[in-house]
Protein backbone atom coordinates (compact mmCIF):
# COMPACT_ATOMS: atom_id res chain seq x y z
CA MET A 1 0.00 0.00 0.00
CA SER A 2 1.33 3.40 -0.98
CA ALA A 3 1.61 6.14 1.62
CA LEU A 4 -0.36 8.32 -0.78
CA ASP A 5 -3.35 5.98 -0.59
CA ALA A 6 -4.12 7.51 2.81
CA PHE A 7 -4.38 11.00 1.29
CA SER A 8 -7.37 12.52 -0.44
CA PRO A 9 -6.93 14.02 -3.93
CA GLU A 10 -7.16 17.44 -2.28
CA ALA A 11 -4.35 16.59 0.14
CA ILE A 12 -2.17 15.30 -2.71
CA SER A 13 -2.87 18.48 -4.66
CA GLN A 14 -1.80 20.54 -1.65
CA LEU A 15 1.38 18.49 -1.22
CA ARG A 16 2.18 19.08 -4.86
CA ARG A 17 1.54 22.81 -4.57
CA LEU A 18 3.82 23.04 -1.52
CA GLY A 19 6.56 21.09 -3.31
CA LEU A 20 6.43 18.27 -0.74
CA LEU A 21 5.21 15.47 -3.01
CA PRO A 22 8.66 14.51 -4.42
CA GLN A 23 10.12 14.42 -0.91
CA LEU A 24 7.29 12.21 0.35
CA LEU A 25 7.69 9.80 -2.56
CA GLN A 26 11.46 9.60 -1.99
CA ARG A 27 11.00 8.90 1.72
CA GLN A 28 8.39 6.26 0.98
CA ALA A 29 10.63 4.54 -1.58
CA MET A 30 13.55 4.55 0.85
CA ALA A 31 11.40 3.25 3.72
CA GLU A 32 10.20 0.36 1.55
CA ARG A 33 13.80 -0.54 0.75
CA LEU A 34 14.95 -0.28 4.38
CA GLU A 35 12.07 -2.42 5.65
CA ARG A 36 13.76 -5.38 3.96
CA VAL A 37 16.94 -4.96 6.02
CA GLN A 38 17.14 -7.41 8.90
CA LEU A 39 19.12 -6.19 11.90
CA SER A 40 20.85 -8.63 14.22
CA GLU A 41 20.13 -8.72 17.94
CA ASP A 42 23.43 -6.96 18.60
CA GLN A 43 22.60 -4.25 16.07
CA LEU A 44 19.15 -3.74 17.58
CA LYS A 45 20.75 -3.44 21.00
CA GLU A 46 23.17 -0.79 19.69
CA VAL A 47 20.30 1.15 18.14
CA ARG A 48 18.41 1.12 21.43
CA GLU A 49 21.50 2.28 23.34
CA GLU A 50 22.02 5.06 20.79
CA LEU A 51 18.43 6.21 21.31
CA LEU A 52 18.83 6.20 25.09
CA GLY A 53 22.05 8.18 24.75
CA ARG A 54 20.45 10.70 22.42
CA LEU A 55 17.67 11.27 24.96
CA LYS A 56 20.21 11.32 27.81
CA LEU A 57 18.37 8.54 29.65
CA GLU A 58 20.21 6.22 32.03
CA ASP A 59 17.08 4.28 33.01
CA PRO A 60 15.50 2.42 30.04
CA SER A 61 12.15 2.39 31.85
CA GLN A 62 11.92 6.15 31.24
CA LEU A 63 12.03 5.72 27.47
CA ALA A 64 8.30 5.39 26.79
CA GLU A 65 7.47 8.49 28.82
CA ALA A 66 10.24 10.53 27.19
CA LEU A 67 9.03 9.55 23.72
CA LYS A 68 5.41 10.25 24.57
CA ALA A 69 6.31 13.87 25.17
CA GLN A 70 7.61 13.97 21.57
CA GLY A 71 4.55 12.23 20.15
CA LEU A 72 6.55 9.12 19.23
CA SER A 73 6.07 5.45 19.93
CA GLU A 74 9.09 3.38 20.90
CA SER A 75 8.98 1.42 17.64
CA ASP A 76 8.88 4.64 15.61
CA ALA A 77 11.79 6.12 17.56
CA LEU A 78 13.85 2.96 17.17
CA TRP A 79 13.10 2.94 13.45
CA GLN A 80 14.21 6.55 13.05
CA THR A 81 17.39 5.88 15.02
CA SER A 82 18.22 2.86 12.85
CA VAL A 83 17.76 4.60 9.48
CA GLY A 84 21.46 5.40 9.08
CA LEU A 85 22.55 1.84 9.82
CA ARG A 86 19.80 0.34 7.65
CA THR A 87 20.72 2.67 4.78
CA GLU A 88 24.37 1.62 4.89
CA LEU A 89 23.49 -2.09 5.04
CA ALA A 90 20.98 -1.80 2.19
CA ALA A 91 23.42 0.19 0.08
CA LEU A 92 26.26 -2.30 0.55
CA GLU A 93 23.96 -5.21 -0.24
CA ASP A 94 22.66 -3.67 -3.47
CA TYR A 95 25.55 -1.50 -4.64
CA GLY A 96 28.69 -2.65 -2.83
CA PRO A 97 30.11 -4.32 -5.99
CA GLN A 98 29.57 -1.11 -8.00
CA ALA A 99 31.00 1.23 -5.39
CA GLU A 100 34.60 1.27 -6.65
CA HIS A 101 33.56 2.15 -10.19
CA HIS A 102 31.43 4.99 -8.83
CA PHE A 103 34.39 6.14 -6.72
CA LEU A 104 36.65 6.35 -9.76
CA LYS A 105 34.05 8.46 -11.59
CA ARG A 106 33.74 10.76 -8.57
CA LYS A 107 37.40 10.90 -7.58
CA LEU A 108 38.02 14.45 -8.84
CA GLY A 109 35.38 15.71 -6.43
CA LEU A 110 36.66 13.56 -3.57
CA ASP A 111 40.34 14.54 -3.67
CA ARG A 112 41.02 17.44 -1.32
CA VAL A 113 43.63 20.18 -1.40
CA VAL A 114 45.17 22.74 0.91
CA TYR A 115 46.48 25.77 -0.96
CA ARG A 116 47.26 29.44 -0.59
CA LEU A 117 45.41 31.97 -2.68
CA LEU A 118 45.87 35.69 -3.28
CA ARG A 119 43.50 37.63 -5.51
CA VAL A 120 43.40 41.24 -6.62
CA GLN A 121 41.71 43.09 -9.44
CA ASP A 122 44.78 45.00 -10.62
CA PRO A 123 46.99 42.87 -12.95
CA GLY A 124 50.03 45.07 -12.29
CA VAL A 125 49.73 44.59 -8.53
CA CYS A 126 49.32 40.84 -9.08
CA ARG A 127 52.52 40.62 -11.16
CA GLU A 128 54.48 42.60 -8.57
CA LEU A 129 53.24 40.40 -5.70
CA PHE A 130 54.00 37.26 -7.69
CA LEU A 131 57.60 38.37 -8.23
CA GLN A 132 58.02 39.19 -4.54
CA ILE A 133 56.83 35.71 -3.52
CA GLN A 134 58.80 33.97 -6.29
CA SER A 135 62.04 35.72 -5.36
CA GLY A 136 61.58 35.09 -1.65
CA GLU A 137 61.49 38.81 -0.97
CA SER A 138 58.11 38.46 0.78
CA GLU A 139 56.07 35.65 2.32
CA PHE A 140 52.86 34.55 0.62
CA GLU A 141 50.98 34.71 3.94
CA THR A 142 52.10 38.27 4.65
CA LEU A 143 51.13 39.58 1.22
CA ALA A 144 47.81 37.75 1.25
CA ARG A 145 46.86 39.35 4.57
CA GLU A 146 47.80 42.77 3.26
CA TYR A 147 46.62 42.71 -0.34
CA SER A 148 44.17 39.87 -1.04
CA GLU A 149 40.65 41.10 -1.73
CA GLY A 150 38.80 37.86 -0.96
CA PRO A 151 37.84 36.15 2.32
CA GLU A 152 41.12 34.20 2.27
CA LYS A 153 42.73 37.47 3.34
CA ASN A 154 41.83 36.62 6.95
CA SER A 155 43.68 33.29 6.86
CA GLY A 156 46.83 34.53 5.16
CA GLY A 157 45.60 33.06 1.89
CA MET A 158 45.15 29.56 3.29
CA VAL A 159 42.23 27.58 1.82
CA GLY A 160 41.16 24.06 2.72
CA PRO A 161 41.23 21.23 3.11
CA ALA A 162 38.55 21.51 0.43
CA PRO A 163 37.36 19.34 -2.48
CA LEU A 164 39.60 19.89 -5.47
CA ASN A 165 36.69 20.55 -7.83
CA GLN A 166 35.20 23.16 -5.50
CA ALA A 167 37.57 25.75 -6.93
CA HIS A 168 37.16 27.43 -10.33
CA PRO A 169 37.89 24.80 -13.04
CA ALA A 170 41.02 26.62 -14.23
CA LEU A 171 42.36 26.90 -10.68
CA SER A 172 41.42 23.30 -9.96
CA GLU A 173 43.40 22.13 -12.99
CA ALA A 174 46.38 24.31 -12.05
CA LEU A 175 46.45 22.84 -8.55
CA ARG A 176 46.06 19.27 -9.82
CA SER A 177 49.07 19.68 -12.10
CA SER A 178 51.19 21.32 -9.38
CA GLN A 179 53.76 19.96 -6.99
CA PRO A 180 53.54 21.08 -3.34
CA GLY A 181 55.19 24.49 -2.98
CA GLU A 182 54.88 25.30 -6.68
CA LEU A 183 53.70 28.85 -7.40
CA LYS A 184 51.03 29.42 -10.07
CA GLY A 185 50.16 32.79 -11.55
CA PRO A 186 49.41 35.42 -12.33
CA MET A 187 46.14 33.88 -13.62
CA LYS A 188 43.02 35.71 -14.83
CA LEU A 189 39.85 34.21 -13.36
CA MET A 190 36.70 36.22 -14.08
CA GLU A 191 37.22 39.66 -12.52
CA TRP A 192 40.24 38.55 -10.49
CA TRP A 193 43.96 38.17 -11.03
CA ILE A 194 45.22 35.40 -8.76
CA ILE A 195 48.33 33.74 -7.42
CA ALA A 196 48.05 30.25 -5.99
CA ARG A 197 50.38 27.76 -4.37
CA LEU A 198 49.60 24.15 -3.63
CA GLU A 199 50.41 23.19 -0.06
CA THR A 200 49.06 19.65 0.15
CA LEU A 201 47.10 17.30 -2.10
CA ILE A 202 45.05 14.75 -0.13
CA PRO A 203 43.99 11.99 -2.56
CA ALA A 204 40.77 10.17 -1.73
CA GLU A 205 41.29 6.49 -0.92
CA PHE A 206 38.91 3.63 -1.59
CA ASP A 207 38.72 2.09 1.88
CA ASP A 208 35.77 0.50 3.68
CA ALA A 209 34.34 3.87 4.71
CA MET A 210 34.54 5.13 1.12
CA ARG A 211 32.92 1.93 -0.17
CA SER A 212 29.98 2.55 2.15
CA ARG A 213 29.76 6.21 1.15
CA MET A 214 29.77 5.42 -2.58
CA ALA A 215 27.22 2.63 -2.15
CA VAL A 216 24.91 4.98 -0.23
CA GLU A 217 25.22 7.56 -3.03
CA LEU A 218 24.20 4.92 -5.57
CA LEU A 219 21.26 3.84 -3.42
CA GLN A 220 20.10 7.43 -3.06
CA GLU A 221 20.37 7.96 -6.82
CA SER A 222 18.22 4.88 -7.46
CA ILE A 223 15.64 6.05 -4.92
CA GLU A 224 15.44 9.46 -6.60
CA LEU A 225 14.90 7.80 -9.99
CA GLU A 226 12.20 5.51 -8.59
CA ALA A 227 10.43 8.39 -6.87
CA GLY A 228 10.65 10.41 -10.09
CA ARG A 229 8.94 7.63 -12.04
CA LYS A 230 6.19 7.40 -9.41
CA LEU A 231 5.72 11.16 -9.50
CA ARG A 232 5.36 11.24 -13.30
CA SER A 233 2.90 8.36 -13.19
CA LEU A 234 0.88 10.07 -10.47
CA LEU A 235 0.74 13.38 -12.33
CA GLU A 236 -0.22 11.68 -15.59
CA SER A 237 -3.13 9.90 -13.92
CA ALA A 238 -4.32 13.00 -12.03
């Protein structure tokens, strides 16, 4: 039975108007998938202990009363507490074998960098500052604090750790092709002239935690597609 079966056409129309219908369909699709996950006794015990800890309860007998004040039953609260664990288990079961391929496709956005950045709008000033840093006459941090016109001014030009693809594509490519300590610039990026220096490249690694993360991403993508199909079908039949 669909969760929408409990709603009148008027209620569904209101959900659609408020933009809540896609979210409801996604949550329903995910809940149906997670219902199939069987937790072990040890896992159920951990979920219960997590719930007690979240509510700051030392006496388990106080749980029902504490949940009543929130309008929740114990089974509902335990379900909500177990969603993260169930999601990871479901994702690994369905998408664990595909996780590494997804990781390789996503790696550019998963690698992180620490770099220094200095930006000004005057190309002449940028060239002069670049030469001072390159020659060792002045420190990058000192000049960034004095001259940089972006928020990195407050950190002496230091940015990160941040995803490599979070930067402007041209800057991202310059950093990827750099060695630590290598100075890049002056570079024109939109209205800015910039100088950048890679401090550290932190490559993403495909370990167990990353496998879980990639599998969860794939599960979420499949849920969004399923919910999208249900939404189109619902709107076509309305």
